[in-house]
Amino acid sequence: MNKLKFLSVLVLGIFLISPGVKAIEIGDQIPAPNQKMKNVDGRELSLANIRGQHGTLVIFSCNSCPWVKAWQNRIVAIGNEYQNKGIGVVAINSNDPNVQSEDSFAQMQQVAKAEGYEFPYVVDVTSDVARAFDATRTPEAFLFNTDGKLVYHGTIDDDAHNPKQVEEHYLRNALDALLAGKEIPEPETKSLGCSIKFR
């Protein structure tokens, strides 16, 4: 009986310390590269399709989050600018529109047009891509190099609500360093924003 109790405790202990979904870390490969997602123009795209000559920027976003709205102009400016410099750029909406109707595909199309997105804005209809990344926030940025390895993960900059008071342009700095072949000055920062409303 004592042996049985010991084995039960041992199995329970192993179960409790076994990792679940592991957050991707600097140096890890792009997760779920072949998962198809619907772009606002109706095309089915995967991260493998979107990869750029000089790297890939993935931003988990949505329509409803006030943090996304605060950073929206900067996100669009960064996406449009660096896509033209050979970075593959995509914004991914993994939110359940049943939680926030503003996050529907139709609203995504309206936002992309109104804000001037020149890069894909896709819907992750199962939230499986967000889970593969272990993304938790909107907005949350993941930058990968030409080998598909993560080189930056975190926030856009250090002041969402006051663009003129930004002192640290974390994402821009990472993109510029990547393009210049230099070490990323700050590869990880804390993502600030709304929680992803998983489907």
N, C-alpha and C. Protein backbone atom coordinates (compact mmCIF):
# COMPACT_ATOMS: atom_id res chain seq x y z
N MET A 1 0.83 -1.20 0.00
CA MET A 1 0.00 0.00 0.00
C MET A 1 0.86 1.26 0.00
N ASN A 2 1.94 1.21 0.80
CA ASN A 2 2.86 2.35 0.85
C ASN A 2 3.53 2.58 -0.51
N LYS A 3 3.88 1.44 -1.18
CA LYS A 3 4.49 1.55 -2.50
C LYS A 3 3.52 2.19 -3.50
N LEU A 4 2.26 1.79 -3.41
CA LEU A 4 1.25 2.32 -4.31
C LEU A 4 1.07 3.83 -4.09
N LYS A 5 1.05 4.21 -2.81
CA LYS A 5 0.90 5.62 -2.48
C LYS A 5 2.10 6.42 -3.00
N PHE A 6 3.30 5.83 -2.83
CA PHE A 6 4.53 6.50 -3.29
C PHE A 6 4.49 6.70 -4.81
N LEU A 7 4.08 5.64 -5.55
CA LEU A 7 4.00 5.73 -7.00
C LEU A 7 2.97 6.77 -7.45
N SER A 8 1.86 6.83 -6.72
CA SER A 8 0.82 7.81 -7.05
C SER A 8 1.35 9.23 -6.89
N VAL A 9 2.05 9.47 -5.80
CA VAL A 9 2.63 10.80 -5.54
C VAL A 9 3.67 11.13 -6.60
N LEU A 10 4.49 10.13 -6.97
CA LEU A 10 5.54 10.35 -7.97
C LEU A 10 4.93 10.72 -9.32
N VAL A 11 3.90 9.98 -9.74
CA VAL A 11 3.24 10.25 -11.02
C VAL A 11 2.59 11.63 -11.00
N LEU A 12 1.96 11.97 -9.88
CA LEU A 12 1.31 13.27 -9.75
C LEU A 12 2.36 14.39 -9.84
N GLY A 13 3.49 14.17 -9.18
CA GLY A 13 4.58 15.16 -9.20
C GLY A 13 5.11 15.36 -10.60
N ILE A 14 5.31 14.28 -11.34
CA ILE A 14 5.79 14.39 -12.72
C ILE A 14 4.78 15.14 -13.56
N PHE A 15 3.50 14.87 -13.35
CA PHE A 15 2.44 15.54 -14.11
C PHE A 15 2.44 17.04 -13.84
N LEU A 16 2.62 17.40 -12.56
CA LEU A 16 2.56 18.80 -12.19
C LEU A 16 3.75 19.60 -12.70
N ILE A 17 4.93 18.97 -12.81
CA ILE A 17 6.10 19.72 -13.25
C ILE A 17 6.34 19.60 -14.76
N SER A 18 5.56 18.75 -15.41
CA SER A 18 5.71 18.63 -16.86
C SER A 18 5.25 19.91 -17.53
N PRO A 19 6.01 20.43 -18.49
CA PRO A 19 5.62 21.67 -19.13
C PRO A 19 4.42 21.48 -20.04
N GLY A 20 3.60 22.52 -20.11
CA GLY A 20 2.47 22.50 -21.03
C GLY A 20 2.94 23.17 -22.30
N VAL A 21 2.16 24.16 -22.78
CA VAL A 21 2.58 24.91 -23.94
C VAL A 21 3.74 25.80 -23.52
N LYS A 22 4.84 25.66 -24.22
CA LYS A 22 6.06 26.40 -23.85
C LYS A 22 6.15 27.67 -24.68
N ALA A 23 6.38 28.78 -24.00
CA ALA A 23 6.55 30.03 -24.71
C ALA A 23 7.77 29.94 -25.61
N ILE A 24 7.66 30.48 -26.83
CA ILE A 24 8.84 30.45 -27.68
C ILE A 24 9.87 31.44 -27.14
N GLU A 25 11.12 31.11 -27.36
CA GLU A 25 12.22 31.89 -26.81
C GLU A 25 13.09 32.41 -27.93
N ILE A 26 13.91 33.39 -27.61
CA ILE A 26 14.85 33.94 -28.58
C ILE A 26 15.68 32.79 -29.16
N GLY A 27 15.75 32.74 -30.48
CA GLY A 27 16.47 31.67 -31.18
C GLY A 27 15.57 30.55 -31.68
N ASP A 28 14.31 30.50 -31.21
CA ASP A 28 13.37 29.47 -31.66
C ASP A 28 12.86 29.77 -33.07
N GLN A 29 12.45 28.71 -33.78
CA GLN A 29 11.92 28.84 -35.13
C GLN A 29 10.47 29.34 -35.12
N ILE A 30 10.05 29.89 -36.26
CA ILE A 30 8.66 30.35 -36.41
C ILE A 30 7.70 29.19 -36.17
N PRO A 31 6.78 29.32 -35.23
CA PRO A 31 5.79 28.24 -35.00
C PRO A 31 4.72 28.23 -36.10
N ALA A 32 4.11 27.09 -36.28
CA ALA A 32 2.97 26.91 -37.19
C ALA A 32 3.16 27.61 -38.54
N PRO A 33 4.30 27.38 -39.21
CA PRO A 33 4.58 28.13 -40.44
C PRO A 33 3.64 27.84 -41.61
N ASN A 34 2.99 26.68 -41.59
CA ASN A 34 2.15 26.30 -42.73
C ASN A 34 0.66 26.41 -42.46
N GLN A 35 0.28 26.91 -41.30
CA GLN A 35 -1.14 27.07 -40.96
C GLN A 35 -1.75 28.17 -41.83
N LYS A 36 -2.76 27.84 -42.60
CA LYS A 36 -3.40 28.82 -43.48
C LYS A 36 -4.33 29.73 -42.68
N MET A 37 -4.30 31.01 -43.02
CA MET A 37 -5.16 32.01 -42.39
C MET A 37 -5.72 32.92 -43.48
N LYS A 38 -6.94 33.38 -43.30
CA LYS A 38 -7.60 34.19 -44.33
C LYS A 38 -7.24 35.66 -44.17
N ASN A 39 -6.71 36.23 -45.25
CA ASN A 39 -6.36 37.65 -45.27
C ASN A 39 -7.60 38.48 -45.57
N VAL A 40 -7.54 39.77 -45.27
CA VAL A 40 -8.69 40.65 -45.51
C VAL A 40 -9.05 40.76 -46.99
N ASP A 41 -8.11 40.40 -47.88
CA ASP A 41 -8.42 40.43 -49.32
C ASP A 41 -8.97 39.09 -49.82
N GLY A 42 -9.17 38.15 -48.88
CA GLY A 42 -9.77 36.86 -49.23
C GLY A 42 -8.76 35.76 -49.51
N ARG A 43 -7.47 36.10 -49.66
CA ARG A 43 -6.46 35.07 -49.92
C ARG A 43 -6.17 34.25 -48.66
N GLU A 44 -5.84 32.98 -48.85
CA GLU A 44 -5.40 32.12 -47.76
C GLU A 44 -3.87 32.19 -47.70
N LEU A 45 -3.33 32.63 -46.58
CA LEU A 45 -1.89 32.80 -46.44
C LEU A 45 -1.37 32.04 -45.23
N SER A 46 -0.11 31.66 -45.28
CA SER A 46 0.57 31.08 -44.12
C SER A 46 1.79 31.93 -43.82
N LEU A 47 2.38 31.73 -42.67
CA LEU A 47 3.59 32.47 -42.32
C LEU A 47 4.73 32.12 -43.28
N ALA A 48 4.72 30.90 -43.79
CA ALA A 48 5.73 30.50 -44.79
C ALA A 48 5.59 31.35 -46.05
N ASN A 49 4.34 31.69 -46.44
CA ASN A 49 4.10 32.53 -47.61
C ASN A 49 4.56 33.97 -47.38
N ILE A 50 4.43 34.41 -46.13
CA ILE A 50 4.65 35.82 -45.78
C ILE A 50 6.12 36.14 -45.52
N ARG A 51 6.92 35.13 -45.21
CA ARG A 51 8.34 35.36 -44.88
C ARG A 51 9.01 36.26 -45.89
N GLY A 52 9.79 37.22 -45.36
CA GLY A 52 10.46 38.18 -46.23
C GLY A 52 11.91 37.81 -46.48
N GLN A 53 12.52 38.50 -47.42
CA GLN A 53 13.91 38.26 -47.78
C GLN A 53 14.85 38.53 -46.61
N HIS A 54 14.49 39.52 -45.79
CA HIS A 54 15.37 39.91 -44.69
C HIS A 54 14.82 39.60 -43.29
N GLY A 55 13.67 38.93 -43.24
CA GLY A 55 13.10 38.58 -41.94
C GLY A 55 11.58 38.63 -41.98
N THR A 56 10.97 38.33 -40.85
CA THR A 56 9.51 38.26 -40.75
C THR A 56 9.04 38.88 -39.44
N LEU A 57 8.06 39.77 -39.55
CA LEU A 57 7.47 40.41 -38.37
C LEU A 57 6.03 39.95 -38.23
N VAL A 58 5.72 39.34 -37.08
CA VAL A 58 4.37 38.88 -36.77
C VAL A 58 3.86 39.69 -35.59
N ILE A 59 2.71 40.34 -35.77
CA ILE A 59 2.11 41.12 -34.68
C ILE A 59 0.71 40.58 -34.42
N PHE A 60 0.49 40.09 -33.22
CA PHE A 60 -0.87 39.67 -32.82
C PHE A 60 -1.64 40.95 -32.48
N SER A 61 -2.78 41.10 -33.14
CA SER A 61 -3.53 42.34 -33.04
C SER A 61 -5.03 42.03 -33.02
N CYS A 62 -5.84 43.05 -33.11
CA CYS A 62 -7.29 42.89 -33.19
C CYS A 62 -7.88 44.26 -33.51
N ASN A 63 -9.21 44.37 -33.49
CA ASN A 63 -9.87 45.64 -33.76
C ASN A 63 -10.33 46.34 -32.49
N SER A 64 -10.59 45.58 -31.45
CA SER A 64 -11.30 46.11 -30.28
C SER A 64 -10.42 46.66 -29.16
N CYS A 65 -9.18 46.22 -29.07
CA CYS A 65 -8.34 46.56 -27.93
C CYS A 65 -7.91 48.03 -27.94
N PRO A 66 -8.13 48.75 -26.83
CA PRO A 66 -7.70 50.16 -26.78
C PRO A 66 -6.19 50.34 -26.90
N TRP A 67 -5.42 49.34 -26.49
CA TRP A 67 -3.96 49.42 -26.64
C TRP A 67 -3.57 49.33 -28.11
N VAL A 68 -4.24 48.45 -28.84
CA VAL A 68 -3.99 48.37 -30.29
C VAL A 68 -4.35 49.69 -30.95
N LYS A 69 -5.50 50.24 -30.56
CA LYS A 69 -5.95 51.51 -31.15
C LYS A 69 -4.95 52.63 -30.86
N ALA A 70 -4.39 52.62 -29.66
CA ALA A 70 -3.42 53.65 -29.30
C ALA A 70 -2.15 53.55 -30.14
N TRP A 71 -1.73 52.32 -30.43
CA TRP A 71 -0.52 52.07 -31.20
C TRP A 71 -0.76 51.94 -32.70
N GLN A 72 -2.03 51.95 -33.10
CA GLN A 72 -2.40 51.60 -34.47
C GLN A 72 -1.60 52.34 -35.55
N ASN A 73 -1.52 53.67 -35.45
CA ASN A 73 -0.81 54.43 -36.48
C ASN A 73 0.64 54.02 -36.58
N ARG A 74 1.27 53.74 -35.43
CA ARG A 74 2.68 53.35 -35.42
C ARG A 74 2.85 51.93 -35.96
N ILE A 75 1.93 51.04 -35.62
CA ILE A 75 2.00 49.67 -36.14
C ILE A 75 1.90 49.67 -37.67
N VAL A 76 0.94 50.44 -38.19
CA VAL A 76 0.74 50.50 -39.64
C VAL A 76 1.96 51.14 -40.31
N ALA A 77 2.48 52.21 -39.72
CA ALA A 77 3.66 52.88 -40.29
C ALA A 77 4.86 51.94 -40.33
N ILE A 78 5.07 51.22 -39.22
CA ILE A 78 6.18 50.26 -39.15
C ILE A 78 5.98 49.13 -40.17
N GLY A 79 4.78 48.57 -40.19
CA GLY A 79 4.50 47.46 -41.11
C GLY A 79 4.70 47.86 -42.56
N ASN A 80 4.14 49.00 -42.95
CA ASN A 80 4.26 49.46 -44.34
C ASN A 80 5.70 49.77 -44.71
N GLU A 81 6.41 50.45 -43.80
CA GLU A 81 7.79 50.85 -44.08
C GLU A 81 8.73 49.66 -44.22
N TYR A 82 8.65 48.75 -43.25
CA TYR A 82 9.62 47.65 -43.25
C TYR A 82 9.27 46.54 -44.23
N GLN A 83 8.00 46.45 -44.62
CA GLN A 83 7.66 45.52 -45.69
C GLN A 83 8.38 45.94 -46.97
N ASN A 84 8.48 47.25 -47.20
CA ASN A 84 9.18 47.77 -48.38
C ASN A 84 10.70 47.61 -48.27
N LYS A 85 11.19 47.22 -47.09
CA LYS A 85 12.63 46.98 -46.90
C LYS A 85 12.98 45.50 -46.88
N GLY A 86 12.00 44.67 -47.25
CA GLY A 86 12.28 43.23 -47.36
C GLY A 86 11.93 42.41 -46.14
N ILE A 87 11.17 43.00 -45.22
CA ILE A 87 10.67 42.25 -44.06
C ILE A 87 9.25 41.78 -44.37
N GLY A 88 8.98 40.50 -44.23
CA GLY A 88 7.62 40.01 -44.36
C GLY A 88 6.84 40.43 -43.12
N VAL A 89 5.69 41.06 -43.31
CA VAL A 89 4.91 41.60 -42.19
C VAL A 89 3.50 41.05 -42.22
N VAL A 90 2.99 40.68 -41.05
CA VAL A 90 1.59 40.24 -40.95
C VAL A 90 1.05 40.60 -39.57
N ALA A 91 -0.21 41.04 -39.57
CA ALA A 91 -0.95 41.22 -38.31
C ALA A 91 -1.95 40.07 -38.24
N ILE A 92 -2.05 39.45 -37.07
CA ILE A 92 -2.92 38.29 -36.88
C ILE A 92 -3.97 38.59 -35.81
N ASN A 93 -5.23 38.38 -36.17
CA ASN A 93 -6.32 38.53 -35.21
C ASN A 93 -6.78 37.13 -34.77
N SER A 94 -6.48 36.79 -33.51
CA SER A 94 -6.85 35.47 -32.97
C SER A 94 -8.05 35.56 -32.04
N ASN A 95 -8.64 36.75 -31.90
CA ASN A 95 -9.75 36.95 -30.98
C ASN A 95 -11.05 36.31 -31.46
N ASP A 96 -11.84 35.87 -30.51
CA ASP A 96 -13.16 35.31 -30.78
C ASP A 96 -14.16 36.45 -30.96
N PRO A 97 -14.75 36.62 -32.14
CA PRO A 97 -15.71 37.72 -32.35
C PRO A 97 -16.99 37.55 -31.56
N ASN A 98 -17.22 36.34 -31.01
CA ASN A 98 -18.38 36.14 -30.14
C ASN A 98 -18.18 36.82 -28.79
N VAL A 99 -16.93 37.11 -28.45
CA VAL A 99 -16.63 37.84 -27.22
C VAL A 99 -16.69 39.33 -27.49
N GLN A 100 -16.09 39.75 -28.59
CA GLN A 100 -16.11 41.15 -29.02
C GLN A 100 -16.51 41.19 -30.49
N SER A 101 -17.72 41.64 -30.79
CA SER A 101 -18.20 41.64 -32.18
C SER A 101 -17.33 42.53 -33.07
N GLU A 102 -16.64 43.49 -32.48
CA GLU A 102 -15.76 44.40 -33.22
C GLU A 102 -14.59 43.64 -33.88
N ASP A 103 -14.34 42.42 -33.39
CA ASP A 103 -13.22 41.64 -33.91
C ASP A 103 -13.63 40.70 -35.06
N SER A 104 -14.78 40.96 -35.66
CA SER A 104 -15.24 40.13 -36.78
C SER A 104 -14.38 40.35 -38.02
N PHE A 105 -14.45 39.42 -38.95
CA PHE A 105 -13.68 39.51 -40.19
C PHE A 105 -14.10 40.75 -41.00
N ALA A 106 -15.40 41.02 -41.03
CA ALA A 106 -15.89 42.20 -41.78
C ALA A 106 -15.29 43.48 -41.20
N GLN A 107 -15.20 43.54 -39.88
CA GLN A 107 -14.60 44.72 -39.23
C GLN A 107 -13.11 44.79 -39.50
N MET A 108 -12.45 43.63 -39.58
CA MET A 108 -11.03 43.60 -39.92
C MET A 108 -10.81 44.24 -41.30
N GLN A 109 -11.66 43.89 -42.24
CA GLN A 109 -11.54 44.45 -43.59
C GLN A 109 -11.70 45.96 -43.57
N GLN A 110 -12.65 46.44 -42.77
CA GLN A 110 -12.88 47.89 -42.67
C GLN A 110 -11.68 48.60 -42.05
N VAL A 111 -11.15 48.01 -40.98
CA VAL A 111 -10.00 48.61 -40.28
C VAL A 111 -8.78 48.66 -41.20
N ALA A 112 -8.50 47.55 -41.88
CA ALA A 112 -7.34 47.49 -42.77
C ALA A 112 -7.42 48.56 -43.85
N LYS A 113 -8.62 48.76 -44.40
CA LYS A 113 -8.80 49.76 -45.44
C LYS A 113 -8.68 51.17 -44.88
N ALA A 114 -9.34 51.42 -43.76
CA ALA A 114 -9.35 52.76 -43.16
C ALA A 114 -7.97 53.18 -42.67
N GLU A 115 -7.20 52.22 -42.14
CA GLU A 115 -5.90 52.54 -41.56
C GLU A 115 -4.76 52.46 -42.57
N GLY A 116 -5.03 51.95 -43.76
CA GLY A 116 -4.01 51.92 -44.81
C GLY A 116 -3.01 50.79 -44.68
N TYR A 117 -3.49 49.62 -44.25
CA TYR A 117 -2.59 48.46 -44.19
C TYR A 117 -2.12 48.10 -45.60
N GLU A 118 -0.81 48.00 -45.78
CA GLU A 118 -0.25 47.51 -47.04
C GLU A 118 0.29 46.09 -46.87
N PHE A 119 0.15 45.55 -45.69
CA PHE A 119 0.61 44.20 -45.36
C PHE A 119 -0.60 43.36 -44.96
N PRO A 120 -0.49 42.05 -44.96
CA PRO A 120 -1.64 41.20 -44.63
C PRO A 120 -2.15 41.39 -43.20
N TYR A 121 -3.47 41.32 -43.07
CA TYR A 121 -4.14 41.29 -41.77
C TYR A 121 -5.03 40.05 -41.83
N VAL A 122 -4.64 39.01 -41.12
CA VAL A 122 -5.29 37.71 -41.27
C VAL A 122 -6.03 37.30 -40.00
N VAL A 123 -6.99 36.40 -40.19
CA VAL A 123 -7.76 35.89 -39.06
C VAL A 123 -7.31 34.47 -38.73
N ASP A 124 -7.02 34.26 -37.46
CA ASP A 124 -6.63 32.95 -36.91
C ASP A 124 -7.90 32.33 -36.35
N VAL A 125 -8.66 31.63 -37.21
CA VAL A 125 -10.03 31.24 -36.88
C VAL A 125 -10.16 30.23 -35.74
N THR A 126 -9.07 29.57 -35.40
CA THR A 126 -9.12 28.61 -34.29
C THR A 126 -8.29 29.08 -33.09
N SER A 127 -7.59 30.19 -33.25
CA SER A 127 -6.62 30.71 -32.26
C SER A 127 -5.41 29.78 -32.11
N ASP A 128 -5.29 28.80 -33.01
CA ASP A 128 -4.20 27.82 -32.88
C ASP A 128 -2.82 28.44 -33.13
N VAL A 129 -2.77 29.44 -34.00
CA VAL A 129 -1.49 30.09 -34.27
C VAL A 129 -1.04 30.87 -33.03
N ALA A 130 -1.97 31.57 -32.40
CA ALA A 130 -1.64 32.29 -31.16
C ALA A 130 -1.17 31.31 -30.09
N ARG A 131 -1.82 30.16 -29.99
CA ARG A 131 -1.41 29.16 -29.01
C ARG A 131 -0.02 28.61 -29.33
N ALA A 132 0.27 28.42 -30.61
CA ALA A 132 1.58 27.91 -31.00
C ALA A 132 2.69 28.89 -30.62
N PHE A 133 2.39 30.18 -30.72
CA PHE A 133 3.35 31.22 -30.33
C PHE A 133 3.36 31.42 -28.81
N ASP A 134 2.32 30.94 -28.14
CA ASP A 134 2.05 31.27 -26.74
C ASP A 134 1.90 32.78 -26.58
N ALA A 135 1.29 33.39 -27.58
CA ALA A 135 0.98 34.82 -27.52
C ALA A 135 -0.17 35.02 -26.53
N THR A 136 -0.13 36.11 -25.79
CA THR A 136 -1.17 36.37 -24.79
C THR A 136 -1.79 37.75 -24.91
N ARG A 137 -1.16 38.67 -25.65
CA ARG A 137 -1.57 40.07 -25.66
C ARG A 137 -1.83 40.59 -27.07
N THR A 138 -2.58 41.68 -27.12
CA THR A 138 -2.68 42.49 -28.34
C THR A 138 -2.38 43.93 -27.94
N PRO A 139 -1.39 44.55 -28.60
CA PRO A 139 -0.51 43.97 -29.61
C PRO A 139 0.68 43.25 -28.97
N GLU A 140 1.21 42.25 -29.66
CA GLU A 140 2.41 41.53 -29.22
C GLU A 140 3.22 41.19 -30.46
N ALA A 141 4.48 41.63 -30.48
CA ALA A 141 5.31 41.51 -31.68
C ALA A 141 6.36 40.41 -31.56
N PHE A 142 6.54 39.68 -32.66
CA PHE A 142 7.56 38.64 -32.78
C PHE A 142 8.33 38.90 -34.07
N LEU A 143 9.63 39.12 -33.97
CA LEU A 143 10.46 39.38 -35.14
C LEU A 143 11.44 38.23 -35.34
N PHE A 144 11.46 37.69 -36.57
CA PHE A 144 12.32 36.56 -36.91
C PHE A 144 13.33 36.99 -37.97
N ASN A 145 14.52 36.40 -37.91
CA ASN A 145 15.55 36.72 -38.90
C ASN A 145 15.36 35.91 -40.18
N THR A 146 16.31 36.00 -41.09
CA THR A 146 16.17 35.31 -42.38
C THR A 146 16.16 33.80 -42.24
N ASP A 147 16.71 33.28 -41.15
CA ASP A 147 16.69 31.84 -40.89
C ASP A 147 15.43 31.39 -40.17
N GLY A 148 14.51 32.34 -39.94
CA GLY A 148 13.27 32.01 -39.26
C GLY A 148 13.42 31.87 -37.76
N LYS A 149 14.50 32.44 -37.19
CA LYS A 149 14.74 32.36 -35.75
C LYS A 149 14.30 33.66 -35.05
N LEU A 150 13.67 33.51 -33.90
CA LEU A 150 13.17 34.66 -33.16
C LEU A 150 14.32 35.52 -32.64
N VAL A 151 14.28 36.82 -32.97
CA VAL A 151 15.32 37.74 -32.51
C VAL A 151 14.77 38.86 -31.63
N TYR A 152 13.45 39.09 -31.71
CA TYR A 152 12.82 40.09 -30.82
C TYR A 152 11.40 39.65 -30.49
N HIS A 153 11.03 39.86 -29.23
CA HIS A 153 9.68 39.55 -28.77
C HIS A 153 9.28 40.60 -27.75
N GLY A 154 8.13 41.22 -27.98
CA GLY A 154 7.66 42.17 -26.98
C GLY A 154 6.74 43.23 -27.52
N THR A 155 6.93 44.45 -27.01
CA THR A 155 6.02 45.55 -27.27
C THR A 155 6.54 46.43 -28.41
N ILE A 156 5.75 47.43 -28.77
CA ILE A 156 6.07 48.32 -29.89
C ILE A 156 7.09 49.38 -29.46
N ASP A 157 6.77 50.10 -28.42
CA ASP A 157 7.67 51.11 -27.86
C ASP A 157 7.28 51.36 -26.40
N ASP A 158 7.86 52.39 -25.78
CA ASP A 158 7.66 52.54 -24.33
C ASP A 158 6.53 53.48 -23.93
N ASP A 159 5.70 53.94 -24.89
CA ASP A 159 4.59 54.82 -24.51
C ASP A 159 3.46 54.71 -25.54
N ALA A 160 2.49 53.87 -25.24
CA ALA A 160 1.39 53.63 -26.18
C ALA A 160 0.56 54.89 -26.42
N HIS A 161 0.31 55.63 -25.36
CA HIS A 161 -0.68 56.70 -25.43
C HIS A 161 -0.13 58.08 -25.75
N ASN A 162 1.19 58.24 -25.71
CA ASN A 162 1.80 59.55 -25.98
C ASN A 162 2.94 59.38 -26.99
N PRO A 163 2.62 59.34 -28.26
CA PRO A 163 3.64 59.08 -29.28
C PRO A 163 4.83 60.04 -29.22
N LYS A 164 4.56 61.29 -28.88
CA LYS A 164 5.63 62.29 -28.85
C LYS A 164 6.57 62.11 -27.66
N GLN A 165 6.14 61.30 -26.68
CA GLN A 165 6.97 61.09 -25.50
C GLN A 165 7.72 59.75 -25.52
N VAL A 166 7.65 59.06 -26.64
CA VAL A 166 8.36 57.78 -26.76
C VAL A 166 9.86 58.01 -26.69
N GLU A 167 10.51 57.26 -25.82
CA GLU A 167 11.97 57.34 -25.70
C GLU A 167 12.66 56.09 -26.23
N GLU A 168 11.97 54.95 -26.13
CA GLU A 168 12.53 53.68 -26.58
C GLU A 168 11.66 53.08 -27.67
N HIS A 169 12.17 53.08 -28.89
CA HIS A 169 11.45 52.51 -30.03
C HIS A 169 11.89 51.05 -30.20
N TYR A 170 11.44 50.20 -29.28
CA TYR A 170 11.95 48.83 -29.20
C TYR A 170 11.86 48.07 -30.52
N LEU A 171 10.66 48.08 -31.13
CA LEU A 171 10.46 47.29 -32.35
C LEU A 171 11.25 47.88 -33.51
N ARG A 172 11.19 49.18 -33.69
CA ARG A 172 11.97 49.83 -34.76
C ARG A 172 13.47 49.57 -34.58
N ASN A 173 13.93 49.67 -33.35
CA ASN A 173 15.35 49.43 -33.07
C ASN A 173 15.75 48.01 -33.45
N ALA A 174 14.86 47.05 -33.13
CA ALA A 174 15.13 45.65 -33.46
C ALA A 174 15.16 45.45 -34.97
N LEU A 175 14.21 46.05 -35.67
CA LEU A 175 14.14 45.93 -37.13
C LEU A 175 15.38 46.55 -37.78
N ASP A 176 15.77 47.72 -37.31
CA ASP A 176 16.94 48.39 -37.88
C ASP A 176 18.21 47.58 -37.65
N ALA A 177 18.33 47.03 -36.44
CA ALA A 177 19.50 46.20 -36.12
C ALA A 177 19.54 44.95 -37.00
N LEU A 178 18.37 44.32 -37.18
CA LEU A 178 18.30 43.12 -38.02
C LEU A 178 18.73 43.43 -39.44
N LEU A 179 18.22 44.52 -39.99
CA LEU A 179 18.56 44.88 -41.37
C LEU A 179 20.03 45.27 -41.52
N ALA A 180 20.60 45.80 -40.44
CA ALA A 180 22.02 46.21 -40.48
C ALA A 180 22.96 45.05 -40.15
N GLY A 181 22.39 43.89 -39.82
CA GLY A 181 23.21 42.74 -39.46
C GLY A 181 23.87 42.87 -38.10
N LYS A 182 23.25 43.67 -37.23
CA LYS A 182 23.80 43.90 -35.89
C LYS A 182 23.01 43.13 -34.84
N GLU A 183 23.57 43.05 -33.66
CA GLU A 183 22.89 42.40 -32.54
C GLU A 183 21.69 43.24 -32.12
N ILE A 184 20.59 42.58 -31.79
CA ILE A 184 19.39 43.30 -31.35
C ILE A 184 19.67 43.92 -29.99
N PRO A 185 19.49 45.24 -29.84
CA PRO A 185 19.87 45.90 -28.59
C PRO A 185 19.10 45.42 -27.37
N GLU A 186 17.81 45.16 -27.55
CA GLU A 186 16.98 44.66 -26.44
C GLU A 186 16.03 43.61 -27.00
N PRO A 187 16.44 42.34 -26.99
CA PRO A 187 15.67 41.30 -27.68
C PRO A 187 14.32 40.96 -27.05
N GLU A 188 14.14 41.27 -25.77
CA GLU A 188 12.85 40.98 -25.12
C GLU A 188 12.38 42.15 -24.29
N THR A 189 11.12 42.51 -24.47
CA THR A 189 10.47 43.53 -23.65
C THR A 189 9.11 43.00 -23.22
N LYS A 190 8.51 43.64 -22.24
CA LYS A 190 7.21 43.19 -21.75
C LYS A 190 6.10 43.66 -22.67
N SER A 191 5.26 42.73 -23.11
CA SER A 191 4.12 43.09 -23.95
C SER A 191 3.01 43.68 -23.09
N LEU A 192 2.52 44.83 -23.49
CA LEU A 192 1.42 45.49 -22.80
C LEU A 192 0.22 45.52 -23.72
N GLY A 193 -0.95 45.22 -23.20
CA GLY A 193 -2.14 45.25 -24.03
C GLY A 193 -3.26 44.43 -23.44
N CYS A 194 -4.25 44.16 -24.28
CA CYS A 194 -5.42 43.37 -23.85
C CYS A 194 -5.09 41.88 -24.00
N SER A 195 -5.75 41.08 -23.20
CA SER A 195 -5.55 39.62 -23.33
C SER A 195 -6.24 39.13 -24.59
N ILE A 196 -5.61 38.15 -25.24
CA ILE A 196 -6.23 37.53 -26.42
C ILE A 196 -7.47 36.77 -25.97
N LYS A 197 -8.56 36.96 -26.68
CA LYS A 197 -9.83 36.27 -26.38
C LYS A 197 -9.87 34.99 -27.22
N PHE A 198 -9.23 33.94 -26.70
CA PHE A 198 -9.07 32.70 -27.46
C PHE A 198 -10.42 32.08 -27.84
N ARG A 199 -10.43 31.47 -29.03
CA ARG A 199 -11.63 30.78 -29.51
C ARG A 199 -11.68 29.38 -28.91
